[in-house]
């Protein structure tokens, strides 16, 4: 019986990822990145505080201002999960008071490109969705 190296085993497992299977770890990742706050945090970090610049580090308070309606707790949890997944880096600068900034990693930037498109699609097609909902509701009533 041939033995398999750890690297070969990881490569085999990676090629076996299939989100349609309930045991696939990519399902948890899809669950995370499909969260609205994750999408909006990535969009904010990728476009700067005015949402039309380029990627740059943002402080927690800047993110909080850009993301209307997010609670401090939810923003903290979202940033921690993104940092854990390697999508965001957290940098602490020893100033008075301490400055903490968040920035997309290269991996985060690669996902930002996709989420930017989803955000833009949602903004451009909201009227169509409202029309679809109204038509459905009128048929269902």
Protein backbone atom coordinates (compact mmCIF):
# COMPACT_ATOMS: atom_id res chain seq x y z
CA UNK A 1 0.00 0.00 0.00
CA UNK A 2 1.48 3.32 -1.07
CA UNK A 3 1.70 6.13 1.42
CA UNK A 4 0.64 9.63 0.52
CA UNK A 5 2.51 12.75 1.57
CA UNK A 6 0.76 15.47 3.55
CA UNK A 7 1.12 17.87 0.62
CA UNK A 8 -0.39 15.34 -1.79
CA UNK A 9 -3.24 14.71 0.65
CA UNK A 10 -3.96 18.46 0.90
CA UNK A 11 -3.89 18.78 -2.89
CA UNK A 12 -6.32 15.86 -3.21
CA UNK A 13 -8.65 17.35 -0.57
CA UNK A 14 -8.52 20.73 -2.31
CA UNK A 15 -9.50 19.18 -5.62
CA UNK A 16 -12.32 17.38 -3.81
CA UNK A 17 -13.97 20.58 -2.52
CA UNK A 18 -17.57 20.62 -3.65
CA UNK A 19 -19.95 23.07 -1.97
CA UNK A 20 -22.92 20.95 -2.99
CA UNK A 21 -21.79 18.31 -0.46
CA UNK A 22 -22.91 18.97 3.11
CA UNK A 23 -19.51 18.02 4.57
CA UNK A 24 -17.49 20.37 2.37
CA UNK A 25 -15.69 23.11 4.34
CA UNK A 26 -16.30 25.57 1.51
CA UNK A 27 -19.95 25.71 2.63
CA UNK A 28 -18.93 27.48 5.83
CA UNK A 29 -16.87 29.92 3.81
CA UNK A 30 -19.78 30.56 1.44
CA UNK A 31 -21.99 31.15 4.45
CA UNK A 32 -19.52 33.69 5.81
CA UNK A 33 -18.92 35.62 2.60
CA UNK A 34 -22.61 35.75 1.71
CA UNK A 35 -23.35 37.68 4.90
CA UNK A 36 -24.46 41.25 4.15
CA UNK A 37 -22.01 42.80 6.62
CA UNK A 38 -19.08 40.87 5.15
CA UNK A 39 -20.03 42.06 1.67
CA UNK A 40 -20.38 45.66 2.84
CA UNK A 41 -17.15 45.65 4.91
CA UNK A 42 -15.22 44.29 1.93
CA UNK A 43 -16.81 46.91 -0.31
CA UNK A 44 -15.94 49.71 2.11
CA UNK A 45 -12.34 48.57 2.60
CA UNK A 46 -11.92 48.08 -1.14
CA UNK A 47 -13.22 51.49 -2.11
CA UNK A 48 -12.23 53.73 0.78
CA UNK A 49 -14.51 55.75 3.05
CA UNK A 50 -16.12 57.73 0.25
CA UNK A 51 -16.81 54.51 -1.73
CA UNK A 52 -15.19 55.84 -4.90
CA UNK A 53 -11.50 55.71 -4.08
CA UNK A 54 -9.22 52.70 -4.06
CA UNK A 55 -8.41 50.21 -1.33
CA UNK A 56 -6.87 51.76 1.74
CA UNK A 57 -6.76 51.09 5.48
CA UNK A 58 -9.73 52.34 7.47
CA UNK A 59 -10.19 52.84 11.17
CA UNK A 60 -13.04 51.14 13.00
CA UNK A 61 -14.86 54.46 13.40
CA UNK A 62 -14.56 55.20 9.66
CA UNK A 63 -16.02 51.78 8.83
CA UNK A 64 -18.80 52.33 11.34
CA UNK A 65 -19.72 55.66 9.70
CA UNK A 66 -19.69 54.19 6.18
CA UNK A 67 -21.79 51.16 7.17
CA UNK A 68 -24.99 52.80 8.36
CA UNK A 69 -26.93 50.57 10.72
CA UNK A 70 -24.14 48.19 11.75
CA UNK A 71 -23.79 47.74 15.51
CA UNK A 72 -20.39 47.93 17.16
CA UNK A 73 -20.74 44.27 18.16
CA UNK A 74 -21.59 43.11 14.63
CA UNK A 75 -18.80 45.14 13.05
CA UNK A 76 -16.31 43.76 15.57
CA UNK A 77 -17.46 40.17 14.95
CA UNK A 78 -17.35 40.65 11.19
CA UNK A 79 -13.85 42.15 11.23
CA UNK A 80 -12.57 39.36 13.49
CA UNK A 81 -13.98 36.66 11.24
CA UNK A 82 -12.49 38.32 8.14
CA UNK A 83 -9.14 38.62 9.89
CA UNK A 84 -9.28 34.96 10.94
CA UNK A 85 -10.00 33.93 7.34
CA UNK A 86 -7.03 35.94 6.07
CA UNK A 87 -9.13 38.47 4.17
CA UNK A 88 -8.38 41.48 6.39
CA UNK A 89 -5.36 42.57 8.38
CA UNK A 90 -5.62 44.52 11.62
CA UNK A 91 -2.79 46.93 12.35
CA UNK A 92 -2.30 48.52 15.76
CA UNK A 93 -0.21 51.70 15.85
CA UNK A 94 1.04 52.74 19.30
CA UNK A 95 -0.22 56.32 19.39
CA UNK A 96 -2.22 58.14 22.03
CA UNK A 97 -4.91 56.96 21.75
CA UNK A 98 -3.97 53.69 20.03
CA UNK A 99 -4.80 53.68 16.31
CA UNK A 100 -6.24 50.47 14.85
CA UNK A 101 -6.75 50.15 11.10
CA UNK A 102 -8.16 47.41 8.91
CA UNK A 103 -7.06 46.66 5.38
CA UNK A 104 -7.80 44.03 2.75
CA UNK A 105 -5.14 41.39 2.18
CA UNK A 106 -4.36 40.17 -1.33
CA UNK A 107 -6.86 37.38 -0.74
CA UNK A 108 -9.42 39.94 0.45
CA UNK A 109 -8.79 42.08 -2.62
CA UNK A 110 -9.48 39.08 -4.86
CA UNK A 111 -12.85 38.60 -3.13
CA UNK A 112 -13.55 42.35 -3.15
CA UNK A 113 -13.70 42.29 -6.94
CA UNK A 114 -16.56 39.81 -6.79
CA UNK A 115 -18.46 41.45 -3.94
CA UNK A 116 -18.17 44.86 -5.60
CA UNK A 117 -20.02 43.40 -8.58
CA UNK A 118 -22.74 41.91 -6.38
CA UNK A 119 -23.21 45.21 -4.54
CA UNK A 120 -23.40 47.11 -7.84
CA UNK A 121 -25.87 44.57 -9.25
CA UNK A 122 -28.12 44.92 -6.19
CA UNK A 123 -28.07 48.71 -6.45
CA UNK A 124 -28.77 48.69 -10.21
CA UNK A 125 -31.56 46.11 -10.14
CA UNK A 126 -33.47 47.01 -6.98
CA UNK A 127 -36.36 48.52 -8.96
CA UNK A 128 -36.61 45.30 -11.00
CA UNK A 129 -36.70 43.26 -7.79
CA UNK A 130 -39.42 45.51 -6.35
CA UNK A 131 -41.43 45.01 -9.56
CA UNK A 132 -40.95 41.25 -9.35
CA UNK A 133 -42.07 41.21 -5.74
CA UNK A 134 -45.14 43.29 -6.54
CA UNK A 135 -46.09 40.98 -9.43
CA UNK A 136 -45.63 37.90 -7.26
CA UNK A 137 -47.60 39.39 -4.38
CA UNK A 138 -50.47 40.38 -6.71
CA UNK A 139 -50.66 36.81 -8.04
CA UNK A 140 -50.47 35.32 -4.54
CA UNK A 141 -53.17 37.54 -3.04
